[in-house]
Amino acid sequence: MYYIYILKCSDKTLYTGSTNDLEKRVLAHNVSMTGAKYTKARRPVKLVYSEKFRTKSKAMKREWEIKQMERGEKLKLIG
C-alpha cells in the first residue's frame, strides 16, 4: 500500500508527502536525518491527515493534487 499524508509542523505550516510505510516516515520526519529538509527545521511534526492507495502512481497523483491546493483547501480537507 501507498499513502499520502499531511503533517502539521511546529510553526503551523503544512507539509504533504507520500510513502509506503506511513508510521516509519512520520517517525523519520521527527527524529532522523532522513526526514525532509523542510520538516527538520520545523519539528516536532504531527500527522493530521492521510489517504491509502493500492498503487504508487495513484498516490503520487493525489499528492500532486493536494500540493496544488491552497492552505484553506488543505485545512478543509483535514477537517
N, C-alpha and C. Protein backbone atom coordinates (compact mmCIF):
# COMPACT_ATOMS: atom_id res chain seq x y z
N MET A 1 0.83 -1.18 0.00
CA MET A 1 0.00 0.00 0.00
C MET A 1 0.88 1.25 0.00
N TYR A 2 0.31 2.32 -0.52
CA TYR A 2 0.99 3.61 -0.55
C TYR A 2 0.10 4.65 0.11
N TYR A 3 0.71 5.63 0.70
CA TYR A 3 -0.02 6.64 1.45
C TYR A 3 0.41 8.04 1.02
N ILE A 4 -0.53 8.95 1.06
CA ILE A 4 -0.19 10.37 1.03
C ILE A 4 -0.56 10.87 2.42
N TYR A 5 0.13 11.90 2.85
CA TYR A 5 -0.11 12.38 4.20
C TYR A 5 0.13 13.88 4.28
N ILE A 6 -0.48 14.48 5.28
CA ILE A 6 -0.25 15.88 5.58
C ILE A 6 0.22 15.96 7.03
N LEU A 7 1.32 16.67 7.23
CA LEU A 7 1.85 16.90 8.56
C LEU A 7 1.64 18.36 8.93
N LYS A 8 1.37 18.60 10.20
CA LYS A 8 1.33 19.96 10.72
C LYS A 8 2.63 20.17 11.47
N CYS A 9 3.39 21.15 11.05
CA CYS A 9 4.69 21.43 11.65
C CYS A 9 4.55 22.32 12.87
N SER A 10 5.61 22.40 13.67
CA SER A 10 5.58 23.21 14.90
C SER A 10 5.30 24.68 14.63
N ASP A 11 5.63 25.17 13.43
CA ASP A 11 5.37 26.57 13.09
C ASP A 11 4.00 26.75 12.42
N LYS A 12 3.16 25.70 12.50
CA LYS A 12 1.78 25.69 11.98
C LYS A 12 1.69 25.57 10.45
N THR A 13 2.82 25.39 9.77
CA THR A 13 2.76 25.16 8.33
C THR A 13 2.38 23.70 8.07
N LEU A 14 1.98 23.42 6.83
CA LEU A 14 1.57 22.07 6.45
C LEU A 14 2.57 21.51 5.45
N TYR A 15 2.84 20.21 5.58
CA TYR A 15 3.75 19.52 4.67
C TYR A 15 3.03 18.31 4.12
N THR A 16 3.07 18.11 2.81
CA THR A 16 2.42 16.97 2.17
C THR A 16 3.48 16.06 1.57
N GLY A 17 3.33 14.75 1.78
CA GLY A 17 4.28 13.79 1.23
C GLY A 17 3.61 12.47 0.93
N SER A 18 4.43 11.51 0.49
CA SER A 18 3.92 10.17 0.20
C SER A 18 4.95 9.14 0.65
N THR A 19 4.48 7.92 0.90
CA THR A 19 5.34 6.86 1.41
C THR A 19 4.65 5.51 1.28
N ASN A 20 5.41 4.45 1.45
CA ASN A 20 4.81 3.12 1.51
C ASN A 20 4.79 2.59 2.95
N ASP A 21 5.32 3.36 3.90
CA ASP A 21 5.31 3.00 5.33
C ASP A 21 5.06 4.27 6.14
N LEU A 22 3.81 4.54 6.39
CA LEU A 22 3.41 5.80 7.00
C LEU A 22 4.01 6.01 8.39
N GLU A 23 3.92 5.02 9.23
CA GLU A 23 4.43 5.15 10.60
C GLU A 23 5.94 5.43 10.61
N LYS A 24 6.67 4.70 9.82
CA LYS A 24 8.12 4.88 9.74
C LYS A 24 8.48 6.26 9.18
N ARG A 25 7.73 6.72 8.20
CA ARG A 25 8.03 8.01 7.58
C ARG A 25 7.76 9.17 8.52
N VAL A 26 6.66 9.12 9.26
CA VAL A 26 6.35 10.19 10.22
C VAL A 26 7.43 10.22 11.29
N LEU A 27 7.86 9.06 11.76
CA LEU A 27 8.94 8.99 12.74
C LEU A 27 10.22 9.61 12.16
N ALA A 28 10.52 9.31 10.91
CA ALA A 28 11.71 9.88 10.26
C ALA A 28 11.63 11.40 10.20
N HIS A 29 10.46 11.92 9.93
CA HIS A 29 10.30 13.38 9.89
C HIS A 29 10.61 14.01 11.25
N ASN A 30 10.33 13.28 12.31
CA ASN A 30 10.51 13.83 13.66
C ASN A 30 11.88 13.60 14.27
N VAL A 31 12.55 12.51 13.93
CA VAL A 31 13.78 12.20 14.67
C VAL A 31 15.01 11.89 13.84
N SER A 32 14.86 11.50 12.61
CA SER A 32 16.04 11.04 11.88
C SER A 32 16.58 12.08 10.91
N MET A 33 17.73 11.80 10.37
CA MET A 33 18.34 12.67 9.37
C MET A 33 17.76 12.41 7.98
N THR A 34 16.91 11.39 7.84
CA THR A 34 16.32 11.08 6.54
C THR A 34 14.97 11.77 6.33
N GLY A 35 14.53 12.54 7.31
CA GLY A 35 13.32 13.31 7.15
C GLY A 35 13.55 14.41 6.13
N ALA A 36 12.48 14.96 5.61
CA ALA A 36 12.60 16.03 4.61
C ALA A 36 13.28 17.26 5.21
N LYS A 37 14.05 17.93 4.41
CA LYS A 37 14.76 19.14 4.84
C LYS A 37 13.78 20.16 5.42
N TYR A 38 12.62 20.29 4.78
CA TYR A 38 11.62 21.25 5.24
C TYR A 38 11.19 20.98 6.67
N THR A 39 10.94 19.72 7.00
CA THR A 39 10.43 19.40 8.34
C THR A 39 11.52 19.36 9.40
N LYS A 40 12.76 19.14 9.02
CA LYS A 40 13.85 19.10 10.01
C LYS A 40 13.92 20.38 10.83
N ALA A 41 13.67 21.49 10.20
CA ALA A 41 13.73 22.79 10.88
C ALA A 41 12.42 23.15 11.56
N ARG A 42 11.40 22.30 11.45
CA ARG A 42 10.08 22.62 11.97
C ARG A 42 9.53 21.52 12.87
N ARG A 43 10.40 20.81 13.53
CA ARG A 43 9.99 19.73 14.42
C ARG A 43 9.49 20.28 15.74
N PRO A 44 8.61 19.55 16.42
CA PRO A 44 8.02 18.29 16.00
C PRO A 44 6.90 18.50 14.99
N VAL A 45 6.64 17.44 14.23
CA VAL A 45 5.54 17.45 13.28
C VAL A 45 4.49 16.45 13.74
N LYS A 46 3.26 16.68 13.34
CA LYS A 46 2.15 15.81 13.74
C LYS A 46 1.38 15.40 12.50
N LEU A 47 1.10 14.12 12.38
CA LEU A 47 0.28 13.62 11.28
C LEU A 47 -1.16 14.08 11.50
N VAL A 48 -1.70 14.81 10.52
CA VAL A 48 -3.08 15.31 10.66
C VAL A 48 -4.02 14.75 9.60
N TYR A 49 -3.47 14.07 8.58
CA TYR A 49 -4.33 13.54 7.51
C TYR A 49 -3.56 12.51 6.71
N SER A 50 -4.26 11.48 6.26
CA SER A 50 -3.66 10.51 5.34
C SER A 50 -4.72 9.82 4.50
N GLU A 51 -4.29 9.32 3.35
CA GLU A 51 -5.13 8.52 2.46
C GLU A 51 -4.30 7.33 2.01
N LYS A 52 -4.96 6.20 1.76
CA LYS A 52 -4.30 4.96 1.37
C LYS A 52 -4.63 4.63 -0.08
N PHE A 53 -3.62 4.13 -0.82
CA PHE A 53 -3.79 3.77 -2.23
C PHE A 53 -3.14 2.43 -2.51
N ARG A 54 -3.68 1.73 -3.51
CA ARG A 54 -3.12 0.43 -3.89
C ARG A 54 -1.88 0.56 -4.76
N THR A 55 -1.77 1.66 -5.50
CA THR A 55 -0.62 1.82 -6.39
C THR A 55 0.12 3.12 -6.11
N LYS A 56 1.40 3.09 -6.39
CA LYS A 56 2.23 4.28 -6.19
C LYS A 56 1.78 5.41 -7.11
N SER A 57 1.42 5.07 -8.34
CA SER A 57 1.02 6.11 -9.29
C SER A 57 -0.23 6.86 -8.83
N LYS A 58 -1.19 6.16 -8.25
CA LYS A 58 -2.39 6.82 -7.74
C LYS A 58 -2.06 7.71 -6.55
N ALA A 59 -1.18 7.23 -5.70
CA ALA A 59 -0.76 8.03 -4.54
C ALA A 59 -0.03 9.29 -4.99
N MET A 60 0.85 9.16 -5.97
CA MET A 60 1.61 10.31 -6.46
C MET A 60 0.68 11.34 -7.13
N LYS A 61 -0.31 10.84 -7.84
CA LYS A 61 -1.27 11.75 -8.48
C LYS A 61 -2.03 12.54 -7.43
N ARG A 62 -2.46 11.87 -6.38
CA ARG A 62 -3.20 12.54 -5.30
C ARG A 62 -2.30 13.51 -4.54
N GLU A 63 -1.05 13.12 -4.32
CA GLU A 63 -0.11 14.02 -3.66
C GLU A 63 0.03 15.31 -4.46
N TRP A 64 0.16 15.19 -5.77
CA TRP A 64 0.28 16.36 -6.63
C TRP A 64 -0.97 17.24 -6.51
N GLU A 65 -2.16 16.60 -6.52
CA GLU A 65 -3.41 17.35 -6.40
C GLU A 65 -3.44 18.15 -5.10
N ILE A 66 -3.05 17.51 -4.01
CA ILE A 66 -3.08 18.19 -2.71
C ILE A 66 -2.05 19.33 -2.68
N LYS A 67 -0.89 19.10 -3.25
CA LYS A 67 0.13 20.14 -3.27
C LYS A 67 -0.30 21.36 -4.09
N GLN A 68 -1.24 21.20 -4.99
CA GLN A 68 -1.74 22.31 -5.78
C GLN A 68 -2.80 23.12 -5.02
N MET A 69 -3.32 22.57 -3.94
CA MET A 69 -4.36 23.25 -3.15
C MET A 69 -3.77 24.41 -2.37
N GLU A 70 -4.61 25.40 -2.13
CA GLU A 70 -4.22 26.49 -1.25
C GLU A 70 -4.41 26.02 0.19
N ARG A 71 -3.78 26.73 1.11
CA ARG A 71 -3.81 26.34 2.51
C ARG A 71 -5.23 26.14 3.02
N GLY A 72 -6.13 27.04 2.69
CA GLY A 72 -7.52 26.93 3.15
C GLY A 72 -8.18 25.64 2.69
N GLU A 73 -7.90 25.25 1.48
CA GLU A 73 -8.45 24.00 0.93
C GLU A 73 -7.89 22.80 1.69
N LYS A 74 -6.61 22.85 2.01
CA LYS A 74 -5.99 21.75 2.77
C LYS A 74 -6.59 21.67 4.16
N LEU A 75 -6.78 22.81 4.80
CA LEU A 75 -7.38 22.81 6.13
C LEU A 75 -8.80 22.24 6.10
N LYS A 76 -9.53 22.54 5.06
CA LYS A 76 -10.87 22.00 4.88
C LYS A 76 -10.81 20.48 4.72
N LEU A 77 -9.85 20.00 3.94
CA LEU A 77 -9.66 18.57 3.73
C LEU A 77 -9.34 17.87 5.05
N ILE A 78 -8.49 18.47 5.84
CA ILE A 78 -8.10 17.90 7.12
C ILE A 78 -9.29 17.83 8.06
N GLY A 79 -10.15 18.85 7.97
CA GLY A 79 -11.35 18.86 8.80
C GLY A 79 -11.06 19.50 10.10
